[in-house]
């Protein structure tokens, strides 16, 4: 009598298990990438709202935003420190958004040199989906409507 009591799994079964694990890993990585992208775009929107609020507060007693630029915004504390790439507000001169592109803040003067009651914030190096997210935000205030998005 020869009994064949084999223990374990066959090679085909192990390959099936590995294939299932591979599919789950790929799905997990794709889901994580999308979640991180949404998080960074949400952070980008938070940074924009924070800058707008802080600059408006800084210039609340003035008729326009004359003299506003990156250095003034940084030194006055209108820029969150996380946007200064680890530098203090006394040393930093450049601003970076959540997706690692540069940010430029400027008073909005016309070609004739007249300063208007507006200012500009330019976020460089944004992917298209971040531009769409910025363009579709409801700021809830007629005075803070996004005026343009350039891709």
C-alpha atoms as a PDB file:
ATOM      1  CA  UNK A   1       0.000   0.000   0.000  1.00  0.00           C
ATOM      2  CA  UNK A   2       1.455   3.213  -1.103  1.00  0.00           C
ATOM      3  CA  UNK A   3      -0.310   6.241   0.314  1.00  0.00           C
ATOM      4  CA  UNK A   4       0.475   9.546  -1.263  1.00  0.00           C
ATOM      5  CA  UNK A   5      -0.023  12.214   1.424  1.00  0.00           C
ATOM      6  CA  UNK A   6       1.336  15.352  -0.155  1.00  0.00           C
ATOM      7  CA  UNK A   7       1.349  18.525   1.912  1.00  0.00           C
ATOM      8  CA  UNK A   8       1.594  22.074   0.608  1.00  0.00           C
ATOM      9  CA  UNK A   9       0.467  23.833  -2.509  1.00  0.00           C
ATOM     10  CA  UNK A  10       1.213  23.303  -6.149  1.00  0.00           C
ATOM     11  CA  UNK A  11       3.191  25.771  -8.227  1.00  0.00           C
ATOM     12  CA  UNK A  12       0.041  26.847 -10.109  1.00  0.00           C
ATOM     13  CA  UNK A  13      -1.748  27.685  -6.868  1.00  0.00           C
ATOM     14  CA  UNK A  14       1.211  29.749  -5.639  1.00  0.00           C
ATOM     15  CA  UNK A  15       1.359  31.652  -8.925  1.00  0.00           C
ATOM     16  CA  UNK A  16      -2.359  32.389  -8.584  1.00  0.00           C
ATOM     17  CA  UNK A  17      -1.836  33.761  -5.077  1.00  0.00           C
ATOM     18  CA  UNK A  18       1.078  35.917  -6.260  1.00  0.00           C
ATOM     19  CA  UNK A  19      -1.004  37.257  -9.154  1.00  0.00           C
ATOM     20  CA  UNK A  20      -3.801  38.261  -6.769  1.00  0.00           C
ATOM     21  CA  UNK A  21      -1.308  39.972  -4.443  1.00  0.00           C
ATOM     22  CA  UNK A  22       0.184  41.826  -7.433  1.00  0.00           C
ATOM     23  CA  UNK A  23      -3.218  43.100  -8.574  1.00  0.00           C
ATOM     24  CA  UNK A  24      -4.025  44.295  -5.056  1.00  0.00           C
ATOM     25  CA  UNK A  25      -0.664  46.063  -4.765  1.00  0.00           C
ATOM     26  CA  UNK A  26      -1.100  47.880  -8.085  1.00  0.00           C
ATOM     27  CA  UNK A  27      -4.595  48.994  -7.050  1.00  0.00           C
ATOM     28  CA  UNK A  28      -3.318  50.151  -3.679  1.00  0.00           C
ATOM     29  CA  UNK A  29      -0.478  52.161  -5.184  1.00  0.00           C
ATOM     30  CA  UNK A  30      -2.817  53.818  -7.706  1.00  0.00           C
ATOM     31  CA  UNK A  31      -5.302  54.657  -4.954  1.00  0.00           C
ATOM     32  CA  UNK A  32      -2.536  56.066  -2.755  1.00  0.00           C
ATOM     33  CA  UNK A  33      -1.226  58.231  -5.615  1.00  0.00           C
ATOM     34  CA  UNK A  34      -4.680  59.667  -6.257  1.00  0.00           C
ATOM     35  CA  UNK A  35      -5.234  60.292  -2.546  1.00  0.00           C
ATOM     36  CA  UNK A  36      -1.890  62.123  -2.267  1.00  0.00           C
ATOM     37  CA  UNK A  37      -2.716  64.205  -5.334  1.00  0.00           C
ATOM     38  CA  UNK A  38      -6.076  65.219  -3.845  1.00  0.00           C
ATOM     39  CA  UNK A  39      -4.388  66.028  -0.541  1.00  0.00           C
ATOM     40  CA  UNK A  40      -1.799  68.256  -2.222  1.00  0.00           C
ATOM     41  CA  UNK A  41      -4.441  70.090  -4.273  1.00  0.00           C
ATOM     42  CA  UNK A  42      -6.475  70.629  -1.102  1.00  0.00           C
ATOM     43  CA  UNK A  43      -3.348  71.987   0.587  1.00  0.00           C
ATOM     44  CA  UNK A  44      -2.736  74.225  -2.432  1.00  0.00           C
ATOM     45  CA  UNK A  45      -6.239  75.680  -2.086  1.00  0.00           C
ATOM     46  CA  UNK A  46      -5.712  76.195   1.655  1.00  0.00           C
ATOM     47  CA  UNK A  47      -2.458  78.020   0.938  1.00  0.00           C
ATOM     48  CA  UNK A  48      -4.148  80.286  -1.604  1.00  0.00           C
ATOM     49  CA  UNK A  49      -6.965  81.195   0.781  1.00  0.00           C
ATOM     50  CA  UNK A  50      -4.434  81.812   3.585  1.00  0.00           C
ATOM     51  CA  UNK A  51      -2.369  84.165   1.407  1.00  0.00           C
ATOM     52  CA  UNK A  52      -5.459  86.071   0.240  1.00  0.00           C
ATOM     53  CA  UNK A  53      -6.719  86.471   3.803  1.00  0.00           C
ATOM     54  CA  UNK A  54      -3.350  87.520   5.219  1.00  0.00           C
ATOM     55  CA  UNK A  55      -2.592  90.019   2.440  1.00  0.00           C
ATOM     56  CA  UNK A  56      -6.043  91.591   2.776  1.00  0.00           C
ATOM     57  CA  UNK A  57      -5.540  91.907   6.513  1.00  0.00           C
ATOM     58  CA  UNK A  58      -2.076  93.392   6.009  1.00  0.00           C
ATOM     59  CA  UNK A  59      -3.394  96.054   3.599  1.00  0.00           C
ATOM     60  CA  UNK A  60      -6.815  96.563   5.214  1.00  0.00           C
ATOM     61  CA  UNK A  61      -6.172 100.216   6.085  1.00  0.00           C
ATOM     62  CA  UNK A  62      -4.818 101.182   2.682  1.00  0.00           C
ATOM     63  CA  UNK A  63      -6.670 102.067  -0.526  1.00  0.00           C
ATOM     64  CA  UNK A  64      -4.599  99.707  -2.693  1.00  0.00           C
ATOM     65  CA  UNK A  65      -1.849  97.100  -2.563  1.00  0.00           C
ATOM     66  CA  UNK A  66       0.995  99.350  -3.714  1.00  0.00           C
ATOM     67  CA  UNK A  67       4.403  97.895  -2.900  1.00  0.00           C
ATOM     68  CA  UNK A  68       3.178  94.343  -2.404  1.00  0.00           C
ATOM     69  CA  UNK A  69       5.643  91.690  -3.554  1.00  0.00           C
ATOM     70  CA  UNK A  70       7.077  88.388  -2.352  1.00  0.00           C
ATOM     71  CA  UNK A  71       9.576  89.958   0.048  1.00  0.00           C
ATOM     72  CA  UNK A  72       6.995  92.242   1.671  1.00  0.00           C
ATOM     73  CA  UNK A  73       4.506  89.385   2.001  1.00  0.00           C
ATOM     74  CA  UNK A  74       7.136  87.089   3.541  1.00  0.00           C
ATOM     75  CA  UNK A  75       8.562  89.648   5.961  1.00  0.00           C
ATOM     76  CA  UNK A  76       5.124  90.732   7.134  1.00  0.00           C
ATOM     77  CA  UNK A  77       4.191  87.133   7.979  1.00  0.00           C
ATOM     78  CA  UNK A  78       1.471  86.871   5.326  1.00  0.00           C
ATOM     79  CA  UNK A  79       3.023  83.671   3.953  1.00  0.00           C
ATOM     80  CA  UNK A  80       2.778  80.427   5.928  1.00  0.00           C
ATOM     81  CA  UNK A  81       6.260  79.199   6.917  1.00  0.00           C
ATOM     82  CA  UNK A  82       5.626  75.836   5.219  1.00  0.00           C
ATOM     83  CA  UNK A  83       5.715  77.710   1.914  1.00  0.00           C
ATOM     84  CA  UNK A  84       9.227  79.055   2.538  1.00  0.00           C
ATOM     85  CA  UNK A  85      11.036  75.701   2.072  1.00  0.00           C
ATOM     86  CA  UNK A  86      12.278  75.525   5.629  1.00  0.00           C
ATOM     87  CA  UNK A  87      13.702  79.025   5.735  1.00  0.00           C
ATOM     88  CA  UNK A  88      12.683  81.644   8.252  1.00  0.00           C
ATOM     89  CA  UNK A  89      10.757  84.725   7.172  1.00  0.00           C
ATOM     90  CA  UNK A  90      13.836  86.883   7.809  1.00  0.00           C
ATOM     91  CA  UNK A  91      15.936  84.923   5.281  1.00  0.00           C
ATOM     92  CA  UNK A  92      13.475  83.624   2.667  1.00  0.00           C
ATOM     93  CA  UNK A  93      12.831  85.502  -0.570  1.00  0.00           C
ATOM     94  CA  UNK A  94      10.983  82.831  -2.554  1.00  0.00           C
ATOM     95  CA  UNK A  95       7.629  81.167  -1.980  1.00  0.00           C
ATOM     96  CA  UNK A  96       6.721  77.612  -3.024  1.00  0.00           C
ATOM     97  CA  UNK A  97       3.254  76.046  -3.153  1.00  0.00           C
ATOM     98  CA  UNK A  98       2.251  72.518  -2.106  1.00  0.00           C
ATOM     99  CA  UNK A  99       3.140  71.077  -5.532  1.00  0.00           C
ATOM    100  CA  UNK A 100       6.668  72.582  -5.330  1.00  0.00           C
ATOM    101  CA  UNK A 101       6.246  75.328  -7.904  1.00  0.00           C
ATOM    102  CA  UNK A 102       7.105  78.960  -7.297  1.00  0.00           C
ATOM    103  CA  UNK A 103       4.553  81.522  -6.172  1.00  0.00           C
ATOM    104  CA  UNK A 104       4.721  85.176  -7.211  1.00  0.00           C
ATOM    105  CA  UNK A 105       2.772  87.871  -5.375  1.00  0.00           C
ATOM    106  CA  UNK A 106       2.558  91.383  -6.740  1.00  0.00           C
ATOM    107  CA  UNK A 107       0.521  94.538  -6.538  1.00  0.00           C
ATOM    108  CA  UNK A 108      -1.725  94.931  -9.520  1.00  0.00           C
ATOM    109  CA  UNK A 109      -0.698  98.086 -11.321  1.00  0.00           C
ATOM    110  CA  UNK A 110      -1.833  98.972 -14.783  1.00  0.00           C
ATOM    111  CA  UNK A 111       0.433  99.884 -17.682  1.00  0.00           C
ATOM    112  CA  UNK A 112       0.013 103.568 -16.797  1.00  0.00           C
ATOM    113  CA  UNK A 113       1.475 102.909 -13.321  1.00  0.00           C
ATOM    114  CA  UNK A 114      -1.793 103.385 -11.464  1.00  0.00           C
ATOM    115  CA  UNK A 115      -2.209 100.951  -8.587  1.00  0.00           C
ATOM    116  CA  UNK A 116      -5.621  99.343  -8.448  1.00  0.00           C
ATOM    117  CA  UNK A 117      -7.328  97.810  -5.437  1.00  0.00           C
ATOM    118  CA  UNK A 118      -6.213  94.333  -6.541  1.00  0.00           C
ATOM    119  CA  UNK A 119      -3.203  92.100  -6.201  1.00  0.00           C
ATOM    120  CA  UNK A 120      -2.024  89.039  -8.084  1.00  0.00           C
ATOM    121  CA  UNK A 121      -0.921  85.625  -6.927  1.00  0.00           C
ATOM    122  CA  UNK A 122       0.669  83.439  -9.588  1.00  0.00           C
ATOM    123  CA  UNK A 123       1.212  79.725  -8.932  1.00  0.00           C
ATOM    124  CA  UNK A 124       3.790  78.350 -11.369  1.00  0.00           C
ATOM    125  CA  UNK A 125       4.181  74.737 -12.525  1.00  0.00           C
ATOM    126  CA  UNK A 126       0.693  73.462 -11.746  1.00  0.00           C
ATOM    127  CA  UNK A 127      -0.724  70.358 -13.395  1.00  0.00           C
ATOM    128  CA  UNK A 128      -3.957  70.741 -15.349  1.00  0.00           C
ATOM    129  CA  UNK A 129      -6.082  69.057 -12.661  1.00  0.00           C
ATOM    130  CA  UNK A 130      -4.826  71.564 -10.066  1.00  0.00           C
ATOM    131  CA  UNK A 131      -5.748  74.443 -12.404  1.00  0.00           C
ATOM    132  CA  UNK A 132      -9.222  72.997 -12.832  1.00  0.00           C
ATOM    133  CA  UNK A 133      -9.578  72.682  -9.051  1.00  0.00           C
ATOM    134  CA  UNK A 134      -8.489  76.311  -8.547  1.00  0.00           C
ATOM    135  CA  UNK A 135     -10.793  77.574 -11.284  1.00  0.00           C
ATOM    136  CA  UNK A 136     -13.796  75.781  -9.843  1.00  0.00           C
ATOM    137  CA  UNK A 137     -13.420  76.940  -6.227  1.00  0.00           C
ATOM    138  CA  UNK A 138     -16.252  78.996  -4.808  1.00  0.00           C
ATOM    139  CA  UNK A 139     -14.525  81.601  -2.670  1.00  0.00           C
ATOM    140  CA  UNK A 140     -17.929  82.743  -1.424  1.00  0.00           C
ATOM    141  CA  UNK A 141     -17.088  86.414  -1.726  1.00  0.00           C
ATOM    142  CA  UNK A 142     -17.630  88.629  -4.753  1.00  0.00           C
ATOM    143  CA  UNK A 143     -14.443  90.539  -3.880  1.00  0.00           C
ATOM    144  CA  UNK A 144     -12.243  87.467  -4.017  1.00  0.00           C
ATOM    145  CA  UNK A 145     -13.306  85.956  -7.308  1.00  0.00           C
ATOM    146  CA  UNK A 146     -10.515  84.247  -9.199  1.00  0.00           C
ATOM    147  CA  UNK A 147      -9.887  86.436 -12.200  1.00  0.00           C
ATOM    148  CA  UNK A 148      -7.894  84.117 -14.433  1.00  0.00           C
ATOM    149  CA  UNK A 149      -6.186  80.766 -14.761  1.00  0.00           C
ATOM    150  CA  UNK A 150      -3.387  80.337 -17.287  1.00  0.00           C
ATOM    151  CA  UNK A 151      -2.324  76.809 -18.149  1.00  0.00           C
END
